[in-house]
PDB file of N, CA and C in Angstrom:
ATOM      1  N   MET A   1      68.935  -2.153 124.236  1.00  0.00           N
ATOM      2  CA  MET A   1      67.794  -1.478 124.143  1.00  0.00           C
ATOM      3  C   MET A   1      68.091   0.077 123.629  1.00  0.00           C
ATOM      4  N   ALA A   2      67.288   0.366 122.781  1.00  0.00           N
ATOM      5  CA  ALA A   2      67.532   1.714 121.944  1.00  0.00           C
ATOM      6  C   ALA A   2      66.847   2.809 122.732  1.00  0.00           C
ATOM      7  N   LEU A   3      67.613   3.933 122.776  1.00  0.00           N
ATOM      8  CA  LEU A   3      67.081   5.178 123.430  1.00  0.00           C
ATOM      9  C   LEU A   3      66.282   5.971 122.535  1.00  0.00           C
ATOM     10  N   MET A   4      65.183   6.502 123.017  1.00  0.00           N
ATOM     11  CA  MET A   4      64.262   7.325 122.202  1.00  0.00           C
ATOM     12  C   MET A   4      64.845   8.910 122.218  1.00  0.00           C
ATOM     13  N   THR A   5      64.900   9.408 121.096  1.00  0.00           N
ATOM     14  CA  THR A   5      65.364  10.906 121.086  1.00  0.00           C
ATOM     15  C   THR A   5      64.214  11.682 120.697  1.00  0.00           C
ATOM     16  N   VAL A   6      64.206  12.853 121.077  1.00  0.00           N
ATOM     17  CA  VAL A   6      63.075  13.797 120.934  1.00  0.00           C
ATOM     18  C   VAL A   6      63.640  14.906 120.034  1.00  0.00           C
ATOM     19  N   ASN A   7      63.108  15.118 118.862  1.00  0.00           N
ATOM     20  CA  ASN A   7      63.520  16.219 117.932  1.00  0.00           C
ATOM     21  C   ASN A   7      62.908  17.556 118.375  1.00  0.00           C
ATOM     22  N   ASP A   8      61.893  17.643 119.012  1.00  0.00           N
ATOM     23  CA  ASP A   8      61.290  18.815 119.538  1.00  0.00           C
ATOM     24  C   ASP A   8      62.267  19.317 120.545  1.00  0.00           C
ATOM     25  N   GLU A   9      62.825  20.543 120.401  1.00  0.00           N
ATOM     26  CA  GLU A   9      63.586  21.042 121.486  1.00  0.00           C
ATOM     27  C   GLU A   9      62.817  21.628 122.702  1.00  0.00           C
ATOM     28  N   GLY A  10      61.594  22.024 122.406  1.00  0.00           N
ATOM     29  CA  GLY A  10      60.710  22.450 123.394  1.00  0.00           C
ATOM     30  C   GLY A  10      60.322  21.456 124.650  1.00  0.00           C
ATOM     31  N   ALA A  11      60.337  20.313 124.046  1.00  0.00           N
ATOM     32  CA  ALA A  11      60.001  19.144 125.206  1.00  0.00           C
ATOM     33  C   ALA A  11      61.084  19.188 126.181  1.00  0.00           C
ATOM     34  N   ALA A  12      62.340  19.262 125.755  1.00  0.00           N
ATOM     35  CA  ALA A  12      63.486  19.146 126.525  1.00  0.00           C
ATOM     36  C   ALA A  12      63.466  20.266 127.684  1.00  0.00           C
ATOM     37  N   ASP A  13      62.861  21.480 127.237  1.00  0.00           N
ATOM     38  CA  ASP A  13      62.701  22.552 128.327  1.00  0.00           C
ATOM     39  C   ASP A  13      61.856  22.120 129.346  1.00  0.00           C
ATOM     40  N   PHE A  14      60.695  21.391 129.031  1.00  0.00           N
ATOM     41  CA  PHE A  14      59.660  20.870 130.001  1.00  0.00           C
ATOM     42  C   PHE A  14      60.209  19.855 130.917  1.00  0.00           C
ATOM     43  N   ARG A  15      61.037  19.010 130.463  1.00  0.00           N
ATOM     44  CA  ARG A  15      61.597  17.946 131.272  1.00  0.00           C
ATOM     45  C   ARG A  15      62.776  18.217 132.202  1.00  0.00           C
ATOM     46  N   SER A  16      63.419  19.248 131.740  1.00  0.00           N
ATOM     47  CA  SER A  16      64.643  19.701 132.467  1.00  0.00           C
ATOM     48  C   SER A  16      64.286  20.437 133.870  1.00  0.00           C
ATOM     49  N   ASN A  17      63.090  20.824 133.867  1.00  0.00           N
ATOM     50  CA  ASN A  17      62.602  21.750 135.056  1.00  0.00           C
ATOM     51  C   ASN A  17      61.566  20.845 135.802  1.00  0.00           C
ATOM     52  N   ASN A  18      61.823  20.567 137.218  1.00  0.00           N
ATOM     53  CA  ASN A  18      61.051  20.000 137.950  1.00  0.00           C
ATOM     54  C   ASN A  18      59.888  20.711 138.503  1.00  0.00           C
ATOM     55  N   ARG A  19      60.136  21.994 138.543  1.00  0.00           N
ATOM     56  CA  ARG A  19      58.922  22.934 139.109  1.00  0.00           C
ATOM     57  C   ARG A  19      58.332  23.599 137.880  1.00  0.00           C
ATOM     58  N   TRP A  20      57.034  23.615 137.738  1.00  0.00           N
ATOM     59  CA  TRP A  20      56.298  24.185 136.563  1.00  0.00           C
ATOM     60  C   TRP A  20      55.728  25.543 137.092  1.00  0.00           C
ATOM     61  N   SER A  21      55.948  26.607 136.363  1.00  0.00           N
ATOM     62  CA  SER A  21      55.329  27.916 136.571  1.00  0.00           C
ATOM     63  C   SER A  21      53.854  27.821 136.029  1.00  0.00           C
ATOM     64  N   ALA A  22      53.089  28.660 136.501  1.00  0.00           N
ATOM     65  CA  ALA A  22      51.616  28.794 136.048  1.00  0.00           C
ATOM     66  C   ALA A  22      51.635  28.992 134.526  1.00  0.00           C
ATOM     67  N   ASN A  23      52.509  29.707 133.956  1.00  0.00           N
ATOM     68  CA  ASN A  23      52.586  29.899 132.445  1.00  0.00           C
ATOM     69  C   ASN A  23      52.734  28.654 131.670  1.00  0.00           C
ATOM     70  N   LYS A  24      53.750  27.899 132.132  1.00  0.00           N
ATOM     71  CA  LYS A  24      54.050  26.565 131.554  1.00  0.00           C
ATOM     72  C   LYS A  24      52.814  25.564 131.637  1.00  0.00           C
ATOM     73  N   LYS A  25      52.110  25.647 132.869  1.00  0.00           N
ATOM     74  CA  LYS A  25      50.903  24.670 133.090  1.00  0.00           C
ATOM     75  C   LYS A  25      49.952  25.134 132.187  1.00  0.00           C
ATOM     76  N   LEU A  26      49.720  26.464 131.968  1.00  0.00           N
ATOM     77  CA  LEU A  26      48.660  26.897 131.246  1.00  0.00           C
ATOM     78  C   LEU A  26      48.915  26.701 129.781  1.00  0.00           C
ATOM     79  N   ASP A  27      50.090  26.614 129.321  1.00  0.00           N
ATOM     80  CA  ASP A  27      50.430  26.270 127.822  1.00  0.00           C
ATOM     81  C   ASP A  27      49.955  24.803 127.521  1.00  0.00           C
ATOM     82  N   VAL A  28      50.275  24.032 128.490  1.00  0.00           N
ATOM     83  CA  VAL A  28      49.911  22.538 128.452  1.00  0.00           C
ATOM     84  C   VAL A  28      48.403  22.245 128.415  1.00  0.00           C
ATOM     85  N   VAL A  29      47.816  22.968 129.479  1.00  0.00           N
ATOM     86  CA  VAL A  29      46.427  22.802 129.426  1.00  0.00           C
ATOM     87  C   VAL A  29      45.620  23.350 128.277  1.00  0.00           C
ATOM     88  N   LEU A  30      45.973  24.393 127.653  1.00  0.00           N
ATOM     89  CA  LEU A  30      45.542  24.865 126.615  1.00  0.00           C
ATOM     90  C   LEU A  30      45.752  23.968 125.325  1.00  0.00           C
ATOM     91  N   ARG A  31      46.775  23.283 125.351  1.00  0.00           N
ATOM     92  CA  ARG A  31      46.994  22.247 124.362  1.00  0.00           C
ATOM     93  C   ARG A  31      46.006  21.243 124.496  1.00  0.00           C
ATOM     94  N   LEU A  32      45.686  20.714 125.710  1.00  0.00           N
ATOM     95  CA  LEU A  32      44.743  19.712 125.899  1.00  0.00           C
ATOM     96  C   LEU A  32      43.417  20.216 125.556  1.00  0.00           C
ATOM     97  N   LEU A  33      43.087  21.477 125.798  1.00  0.00           N
ATOM     98  CA  LEU A  33      41.763  21.976 125.493  1.00  0.00           C
ATOM     99  C   LEU A  33      41.566  22.097 124.029  1.00  0.00           C
ATOM    100  N   ARG A  34      42.692  22.302 123.294  1.00  0.00           N
ATOM    101  CA  ARG A  34      42.494  22.546 121.841  1.00  0.00           C
ATOM    102  C   ARG A  34      42.567  21.052 121.103  1.00  0.00           C
ATOM    103  N   GLY A  35      42.541  20.051 121.942  1.00  0.00           N
ATOM    104  CA  GLY A  35      42.287  18.702 121.281  1.00  0.00           C
ATOM    105  C   GLY A  35      43.408  17.772 121.258  1.00  0.00           C
ATOM    106  N   GLU A  36      44.644  18.194 121.800  1.00  0.00           N
ATOM    107  CA  GLU A  36      45.756  17.180 121.733  1.00  0.00           C
ATOM    108  C   GLU A  36      45.393  16.037 122.700  1.00  0.00           C
ATOM    109  N   LYS A  37      46.006  14.755 122.353  1.00  0.00           N
ATOM    110  CA  LYS A  37      45.724  13.723 123.122  1.00  0.00           C
ATOM    111  C   LYS A  37      46.409  13.629 124.379  1.00  0.00           C
ATOM    112  N   LEU A  38      45.769  13.410 125.521  1.00  0.00           N
ATOM    113  CA  LEU A  38      46.421  13.390 126.833  1.00  0.00           C
ATOM    114  C   LEU A  38      47.584  12.536 126.843  1.00  0.00           C
ATOM    115  N   GLU A  39      47.624  11.319 126.501  1.00  0.00           N
ATOM    116  CA  GLU A  39      48.575  10.428 126.555  1.00  0.00           C
ATOM    117  C   GLU A  39      49.841  10.855 125.805  1.00  0.00           C
ATOM    118  N   GLU A  40      49.729  11.447 124.612  1.00  0.00           N
ATOM    119  CA  GLU A  40      50.635  11.868 123.744  1.00  0.00           C
ATOM    120  C   GLU A  40      51.321  13.152 124.340  1.00  0.00           C
ATOM    121  N   LEU A  41      50.613  14.079 124.885  1.00  0.00           N
ATOM    122  CA  LEU A  41      51.124  15.176 125.484  1.00  0.00           C
ATOM    123  C   LEU A  41      51.874  14.858 126.612  1.00  0.00           C
ATOM    124  N   SER A  42      51.332  13.940 127.482  1.00  0.00           N
ATOM    125  CA  SER A  42      51.940  13.428 128.670  1.00  0.00           C
ATOM    126  C   SER A  42      53.466  12.959 128.330  1.00  0.00           C
ATOM    127  N   ARG A  43      53.512  12.092 127.374  1.00  0.00           N
ATOM    128  CA  ARG A  43      54.857  11.589 126.854  1.00  0.00           C
ATOM    129  C   ARG A  43      55.752  12.744 126.568  1.00  0.00           C
ATOM    130  N   GLU A  44      55.193  13.628 125.730  1.00  0.00           N
ATOM    131  CA  GLU A  44      56.025  14.753 125.235  1.00  0.00           C
ATOM    132  C   GLU A  44      56.652  15.615 126.347  1.00  0.00           C
ATOM    133  N   VAL A  45      55.795  15.905 127.060  1.00  0.00           N
ATOM    134  CA  VAL A  45      56.304  16.945 128.231  1.00  0.00           C
ATOM    135  C   VAL A  45      56.888  16.222 129.375  1.00  0.00           C
ATOM    136  N   GLY A  46      56.790  14.982 129.554  1.00  0.00           N
ATOM    137  CA  GLY A  46      57.257  14.272 130.747  1.00  0.00           C
ATOM    138  C   GLY A  46      56.570  14.349 132.027  1.00  0.00           C
ATOM    139  N   ILE A  47      55.188  14.495 131.853  1.00  0.00           N
ATOM    140  CA  ILE A  47      54.489  14.479 133.110  1.00  0.00           C
ATOM    141  C   ILE A  47      53.263  13.595 133.057  1.00  0.00           C
ATOM    142  N   GLU A  48      53.034  13.064 134.214  1.00  0.00           N
ATOM    143  CA  GLU A  48      52.165  11.860 134.237  1.00  0.00           C
ATOM    144  C   GLU A  48      50.704  12.392 133.612  1.00  0.00           C
ATOM    145  N   ALA A  49      50.063  11.482 133.043  1.00  0.00           N
ATOM    146  CA  ALA A  49      48.670  11.927 132.575  1.00  0.00           C
ATOM    147  C   ALA A  49      47.796  12.324 133.560  1.00  0.00           C
ATOM    148  N   HIS A  50      47.732  11.818 134.738  1.00  0.00           N
ATOM    149  CA  HIS A  50      46.779  12.049 135.770  1.00  0.00           C
ATOM    150  C   HIS A  50      46.978  13.428 136.231  1.00  0.00           C
ATOM    151  N   ARG A  51      48.275  13.953 136.295  1.00  0.00           N
ATOM    152  CA  ARG A  51      48.617  15.201 136.759  1.00  0.00           C
ATOM    153  C   ARG A  51      48.071  16.248 135.743  1.00  0.00           C
ATOM    154  N   LEU A  52      48.337  15.811 134.396  1.00  0.00           N
ATOM    155  CA  LEU A  52      47.836  16.932 133.418  1.00  0.00           C
ATOM    156  C   LEU A  52      46.385  17.105 133.401  1.00  0.00           C
ATOM    157  N   ALA A  53      45.689  15.786 133.671  1.00  0.00           N
ATOM    158  CA  ALA A  53      44.184  15.862 133.758  1.00  0.00           C
ATOM    159  C   ALA A  53      43.783  16.706 134.915  1.00  0.00           C
ATOM    160  N   ALA A  54      44.442  16.537 136.152  1.00  0.00           N
ATOM    161  CA  ALA A  54      44.182  17.434 137.323  1.00  0.00           C
ATOM    162  C   ALA A  54      44.311  18.821 136.945  1.00  0.00           C
ATOM    163  N   TRP A  55      45.476  19.334 136.187  1.00  0.00           N
ATOM    164  CA  TRP A  55      45.687  20.742 136.027  1.00  0.00           C
ATOM    165  C   TRP A  55      44.490  21.152 135.129  1.00  0.00           C
ATOM    166  N   ARG A  56      44.001  20.363 134.095  1.00  0.00           N
ATOM    167  CA  ARG A  56      43.014  20.768 133.242  1.00  0.00           C
ATOM    168  C   ARG A  56      41.822  21.100 134.040  1.00  0.00           C
ATOM    169  N   ASP A  57      41.403  19.988 135.012  1.00  0.00           N
ATOM    170  CA  ASP A  57      40.284  20.135 135.765  1.00  0.00           C
ATOM    171  C   ASP A  57      40.241  21.446 136.745  1.00  0.00           C
ATOM    172  N   GLU A  58      41.449  21.564 137.351  1.00  0.00           N
ATOM    173  CA  GLU A  58      41.392  22.821 138.153  1.00  0.00           C
ATOM    174  C   GLU A  58      41.245  24.058 137.345  1.00  0.00           C
ATOM    175  N   PHE A  59      41.832  24.237 136.130  1.00  0.00           N
ATOM    176  CA  PHE A  59      41.629  25.349 135.338  1.00  0.00           C
ATOM    177  C   PHE A  59      40.279  25.441 135.040  1.00  0.00           C
ATOM    178  N   LEU A  60      39.517  24.422 134.552  1.00  0.00           N
ATOM    179  CA  LEU A  60      38.174  24.647 134.264  1.00  0.00           C
ATOM    180  C   LEU A  60      37.293  24.953 135.404  1.00  0.00           C
ATOM    181  N   ASP A  61      37.624  24.503 136.559  1.00  0.00           N
ATOM    182  CA  ASP A  61      36.869  24.880 137.686  1.00  0.00           C
ATOM    183  C   ASP A  61      36.964  26.204 138.120  1.00  0.00           C
ATOM    184  N   ALA A  62      38.286  26.735 137.998  1.00  0.00           N
ATOM    185  CA  ALA A  62      38.526  28.159 138.479  1.00  0.00           C
ATOM    186  C   ALA A  62      37.881  29.035 137.427  1.00  0.00           C
ATOM    187  N   GLY A  63      37.808  28.783 136.134  1.00  0.00           N
ATOM    188  CA  GLY A  63      37.193  29.444 135.072  1.00  0.00           C
ATOM    189  C   GLY A  63      35.707  29.538 135.332  1.00  0.00           C
ATOM    190  N   LYS A  64      35.212  28.382 135.820  1.00  0.00           N
ATOM    191  CA  LYS A  64      33.662  28.467 136.028  1.00  0.00           C
ATOM    192  C   LYS A  64      33.346  29.374 137.075  1.00  0.00           C
ATOM    193  N   GLU A  65      34.132  29.424 138.188  1.00  0.00           N
ATOM    194  CA  GLU A  65      33.880  30.359 139.337  1.00  0.00           C
ATOM    195  C   GLU A  65      33.940  31.843 138.827  1.00  0.00           C
ATOM    196  N   GLY A  66      34.892  32.048 137.913  1.00  0.00           N
ATOM    197  CA  GLY A  66      34.976  33.481 137.316  1.00  0.00           C
ATOM    198  C   GLY A  66      33.905  33.859 136.621  1.00  0.00           C
ATOM    199  N   LEU A  67      33.254  33.078 135.994  1.00  0.00           N
ATOM    200  CA  LEU A  67      32.114  33.294 135.206  1.00  0.00           C
ATOM    201  C   LEU A  67      30.876  33.685 136.021  1.00  0.00           C
ATOM    202  N   LYS A  68      30.872  33.217 137.355  1.00  0.00           N
ATOM    203  CA  LYS A  68      29.648  33.500 138.092  1.00  0.00           C
ATOM    204  C   LYS A  68      29.695  34.874 138.575  1.00  0.00           C
ATOM    205  N   GLY A  69      30.628  35.571 138.306  1.00  0.00           N
ATOM    206  CA  GLY A  69      30.434  37.095 138.583  1.00  0.00           C
ATOM    207  C   GLY A  69      30.923  37.554 139.921  1.00  0.00           C
ATOM    208  N   LYS A  70      31.181  36.703 140.711  1.00  0.00           N
ATOM    209  CA  LYS A  70      31.771  36.962 142.019  1.00  0.00           C
ATOM    210  C   LYS A  70      32.792  35.942 142.333  1.00  0.00           C
ATOM    211  N   ARG A  71      33.866  36.385 143.207  1.00  0.00           N
ATOM    212  CA  ARG A  71      34.898  35.529 143.653  1.00  0.00           C
ATOM    213  C   ARG A  71      34.395  34.582 144.573  1.00  0.00           C
ATOM    214  N   ALA A  72      34.779  33.280 144.560  1.00  0.00           N
ATOM    215  CA  ALA A  72      34.511  32.216 145.526  1.00  0.00           C
ATOM    216  C   ALA A  72      35.343  32.676 146.836  1.00  0.00           C
ATOM    217  N   THR A  73      34.413  32.708 147.903  1.00  0.00           N
ATOM    218  CA  THR A  73      35.063  32.964 149.085  1.00  0.00           C
ATOM    219  C   THR A  73      34.949  31.731 149.956  1.00  0.00           C
ATOM    220  N   THR A  74      35.939  31.693 150.803  1.00  0.00           N
ATOM    221  CA  THR A  74      36.011  30.716 151.731  1.00  0.00           C
ATOM    222  C   THR A  74      35.570  31.114 153.053  1.00  0.00           C
ATOM    223  N   GLU A  75      35.373  30.350 154.020  1.00  0.00           N
ATOM    224  CA  GLU A  75      35.093  30.797 155.418  1.00  0.00           C
ATOM    225  C   GLU A  75      36.060  31.651 156.049  1.00  0.00           C
ATOM    226  N   ASP A  76      37.283  31.241 155.754  1.00  0.00           N
ATOM    227  CA  ASP A  76      38.546  32.091 156.278  1.00  0.00           C
ATOM    228  C   ASP A  76      38.536  33.399 155.645  1.00  0.00           C
ATOM    229  N   ASP A  77      38.174  33.471 154.384  1.00  0.00           N
ATOM    230  CA  ASP A  77      38.225  34.842 153.811  1.00  0.00           C
ATOM    231  C   ASP A  77      37.119  35.701 154.426  1.00  0.00           C
ATOM    232  N   ARG A  78      35.910  35.152 154.773  1.00  0.00           N
ATOM    233  CA  ARG A  78      34.883  35.883 155.382  1.00  0.00           C
ATOM    234  C   ARG A  78      35.206  36.295 156.730  1.00  0.00           C
ATOM    235  N   ARG A  79      35.915  35.495 157.521  1.00  0.00           N
ATOM    236  CA  ARG A  79      36.179  35.747 158.861  1.00  0.00           C
ATOM    237  C   ARG A  79      37.359  36.804 158.903  1.00  0.00           C
ATOM    238  N   LEU A  80      38.318  36.696 157.898  1.00  0.00           N
ATOM    239  CA  LEU A  80      39.377  37.819 157.815  1.00  0.00           C
ATOM    240  C   LEU A  80      38.750  39.180 157.522  1.00  0.00           C
ATOM    241  N   ARG A  81      37.635  39.160 156.682  1.00  0.00           N
ATOM    242  CA  ARG A  81      37.129  40.523 156.157  1.00  0.00           C
ATOM    243  C   ARG A  81      36.478  41.001 157.425  1.00  0.00           C
ATOM    244  N   ASP A  82      35.760  40.047 158.341  1.00  0.00           N
ATOM    245  CA  ASP A  82      35.028  40.601 159.346  1.00  0.00           C
ATOM    246  C   ASP A  82      35.988  41.016 160.473  1.00  0.00           C
ATOM    247  N   ALA A  83      36.996  40.396 160.712  1.00  0.00           N
ATOM    248  CA  ALA A  83      38.096  41.008 161.634  1.00  0.00           C
ATOM    249  C   ALA A  83      38.722  42.276 161.267  1.00  0.00           C
ATOM    250  N   GLU A  84      38.982  42.452 159.915  1.00  0.00           N
ATOM    251  CA  GLU A  84      39.517  43.686 159.482  1.00  0.00           C
ATOM    252  C   GLU A  84      38.464  44.859 159.638  1.00  0.00           C
ATOM    253  N   ARG A  85      37.162  44.397 159.356  1.00  0.00           N
ATOM    254  CA  ARG A  85      36.258  45.565 159.615  1.00  0.00           C
ATOM    255  C   ARG A  85      36.189  45.876 161.095  1.00  0.00           C
ATOM    256  N   LYS A  86      36.106  44.939 161.873  1.00  0.00           N
ATOM    257  CA  LYS A  86      36.108  45.170 163.398  1.00  0.00           C
ATOM    258  C   LYS A  86      37.297  46.143 163.863  1.00  0.00           C
ATOM    259  N   ILE A  87      38.640  45.748 163.317  1.00  0.00           N
ATOM    260  CA  ILE A  87      39.798  46.521 163.655  1.00  0.00           C
ATOM    261  C   ILE A  87      39.574  47.853 163.246  1.00  0.00           C
ATOM    262  N   GLY A  88      38.980  48.202 162.002  1.00  0.00           N
ATOM    263  CA  GLY A  88      38.800  49.513 161.599  1.00  0.00           C
ATOM    264  C   GLY A  88      37.893  50.331 162.523  1.00  0.00           C
ATOM    265  N   GLU A  89      36.756  49.695 162.800  1.00  0.00           N
ATOM    266  CA  GLU A  89      35.826  50.252 163.785  1.00  0.00           C
ATOM    267  C   GLU A  89      36.477  50.586 165.184  1.00  0.00           C
ATOM    268  N   LEU A  90      37.205  49.732 165.723  1.00  0.00           N
ATOM    269  CA  LEU A  90      37.847  49.937 167.027  1.00  0.00           C
ATOM    270  C   LEU A  90      38.903  51.009 166.830  1.00  0.00           C
ATOM    271  N   THR A  91      39.625  51.122 165.741  1.00  0.00           N
ATOM    272  CA  THR A  91      40.635  52.198 165.541  1.00  0.00           C
ATOM    273  C   THR A  91      39.930  53.403 165.568  1.00  0.00           C
ATOM    274  N   LEU A  92      38.797  53.623 164.778  1.00  0.00           N
ATOM    275  CA  LEU A  92      38.115  54.976 164.882  1.00  0.00           C
ATOM    276  C   LEU A  92      37.643  55.330 166.068  1.00  0.00           C
ATOM    277  N   GLU A  93      37.095  54.228 166.891  1.00  0.00           N
ATOM    278  CA  GLU A  93      36.534  54.542 168.232  1.00  0.00           C
ATOM    279  C   GLU A  93      37.629  55.028 169.118  1.00  0.00           C
ATOM    280  N   ASN A  94      38.852  54.367 168.998  1.00  0.00           N
ATOM    281  CA  ASN A  94      39.902  54.798 169.824  1.00  0.00           C
ATOM    282  C   ASN A  94      40.385  56.280 169.667  1.00  0.00           C
ATOM    283  N   GLU A  95      40.350  56.592 168.198  1.00  0.00           N
ATOM    284  CA  GLU A  95      40.723  57.986 167.940  1.00  0.00           C
ATOM    285  C   GLU A  95      39.730  59.004 168.583  1.00  0.00           C
ATOM    286  N   VAL A  96      38.437  58.626 168.454  1.00  0.00           N
ATOM    287  CA  VAL A  96      37.402  59.600 168.939  1.00  0.00           C
ATOM    288  C   VAL A  96      37.509  59.687 170.420  1.00  0.00           C
ATOM    289  N   TRP A  97      37.890  58.715 171.107  1.00  0.00           N
ATOM    290  CA  TRP A  97      38.139  58.647 172.742  1.00  0.00           C
ATOM    291  C   TRP A  97      39.426  59.448 173.078  1.00  0.00           C
ATOM    292  N   LYS A  98      40.331  59.374 172.130  1.00  0.00           N
ATOM    293  CA  LYS A  98      41.543  60.180 172.474  1.00  0.00           C
ATOM    294  C   LYS A  98      41.216  61.598 172.383  1.00  0.00           C
ATOM    295  N   LYS A  99      40.496  62.000 171.235  1.00  0.00           N
ATOM    296  CA  LYS A  99      40.145  63.390 171.247  1.00  0.00           C
ATOM    297  C   LYS A  99      39.318  63.904 172.390  1.00  0.00           C
ATOM    298  N   VAL A 100      38.475  63.201 172.742  1.00  0.00           N
ATOM    299  CA  VAL A 100      37.415  63.555 173.959  1.00  0.00           C
ATOM    300  C   VAL A 100      38.438  63.694 175.058  1.00  0.00           C
ATOM    301  N   ALA A 101      39.261  62.720 175.339  1.00  0.00           N
ATOM    302  CA  ALA A 101      40.189  62.822 176.503  1.00  0.00           C
ATOM    303  C   ALA A 101      41.022  64.091 176.404  1.00  0.00           C
ATOM    304  N   GLU A 102      41.594  64.400 175.213  1.00  0.00           N
ATOM    305  CA  GLU A 102      42.450  65.496 175.081  1.00  0.00           C
ATOM    306  C   GLU A 102      41.743  66.961 175.488  1.00  0.00           C
ATOM    307  N   LYS A 103      40.465  66.871 174.932  1.00  0.00           N
ATOM    308  CA  LYS A 103      39.645  68.179 175.221  1.00  0.00           C
ATOM    309  C   LYS A 103      39.393  68.380 176.758  1.00  0.00           C
ATOM    310  N   ARG A 104      39.256  67.076 177.419  1.00  0.00           N
ATOM    311  CA  ARG A 104      39.070  67.284 178.982  1.00  0.00           C
ATOM    312  C   ARG A 104      40.430  67.439 179.687  1.00  0.00           C
ATOM    313  N   GLY A 105      41.471  67.418 179.113  1.00  0.00           N
ATOM    314  CA  GLY A 105      42.713  67.524 179.735  1.00  0.00           C
ATOM    315  C   GLY A 105      43.253  66.123 180.239  1.00  0.00           C
ATOM    316  N   LEU A 106      42.676  65.151 179.812  1.00  0.00           N
ATOM    317  CA  LEU A 106      43.316  63.802 180.282  1.00  0.00           C
ATOM    318  C   LEU A 106      44.297  63.113 179.323  1.00  0.00           C
ATOM    319  N   GLN A 107      45.136  62.162 179.841  1.00  0.00           N
ATOM    320  CA  GLN A 107      45.922  61.522 178.835  1.00  0.00           C
ATOM    321  C   GLN A 107      45.360  60.062 178.559  1.00  0.00           C
ATOM    322  N   MET A 108      45.591  59.826 177.383  1.00  0.00           N
ATOM    323  CA  MET A 108      45.170  58.316 176.894  1.00  0.00           C
ATOM    324  C   MET A 108      46.351  57.777 176.394  1.00  0.00           C
ATOM    325  N   PRO A 109      46.641  56.505 176.985  1.00  0.00           N
ATOM    326  CA  PRO A 109      46.064  55.984 178.218  1.00  0.00           C
ATOM    327  C   PRO A 109      46.372  56.735 179.379  1.00  0.00           C
ATOM    328  N   PRO A 110      45.492  56.544 180.533  1.00  0.00           N
ATOM    329  CA  PRO A 110      45.903  57.259 181.587  1.00  0.00           C
ATOM    330  C   PRO A 110      47.199  56.855 182.292  1.00  0.00           C
ATOM    331  N   GLN A 111      47.909  57.688 182.908  1.00  0.00           N
ATOM    332  CA  GLN A 111      49.067  57.360 183.693  1.00  0.00           C
ATOM    333  C   GLN A 111      48.723  56.495 184.883  1.00  0.00           C
ATOM    334  N   LYS A 112      49.652  55.701 185.233  1.00  0.00           N
ATOM    335  CA  LYS A 112      49.511  54.698 186.402  1.00  0.00           C
ATOM    336  C   LYS A 112      49.611  55.711 187.511  1.00  0.00           C
ATOM    337  N   ARG A 113      48.796  55.333 188.583  1.00  0.00           N
ATOM    338  CA  ARG A 113      48.865  56.101 189.911  1.00  0.00           C
ATOM    339  C   ARG A 113      50.020  55.678 190.783  1.00  0.00           C
ATOM    340  N   PRO A 114      50.632  56.732 191.364  1.00  0.00           N
ATOM    341  CA  PRO A 114      51.752  56.322 192.192  1.00  0.00           C
ATOM    342  C   PRO A 114      51.218  55.555 193.517  1.00  0.00           C
ATOM    343  N   ARG A 115      51.982  54.706 194.058  1.00  0.00           N
ATOM    344  CA  ARG A 115      51.536  53.816 195.067  1.00  0.00           C
ATOM    345  C   ARG A 115      51.935  54.471 196.478  1.00  0.00           C
TER     346      ARG A 115
END
């Protein structure tokens, strides 16, 4: 059985690395979007066609969200923003109460009473 050799040295770089950086993925996705055939590109870079198609679809979906003019937020993002806002409010309120207590000669937090 004859072995296939690849003359393009760039393809060897893709195959030697199991982990793909975002930039390498972007390069391949842009090649797909420019019209290169999925199957040929898959063979060249040594990545399954379904994986390349998924990268392309993820790229297009993320781009669509960017064009909407606002970042897509998840429920977790909203809850985190609300929690951060509440922490800020409580911190300011604590500072105000500390100042009030200092003016009245009290310590914040109050010392424990002796038994």
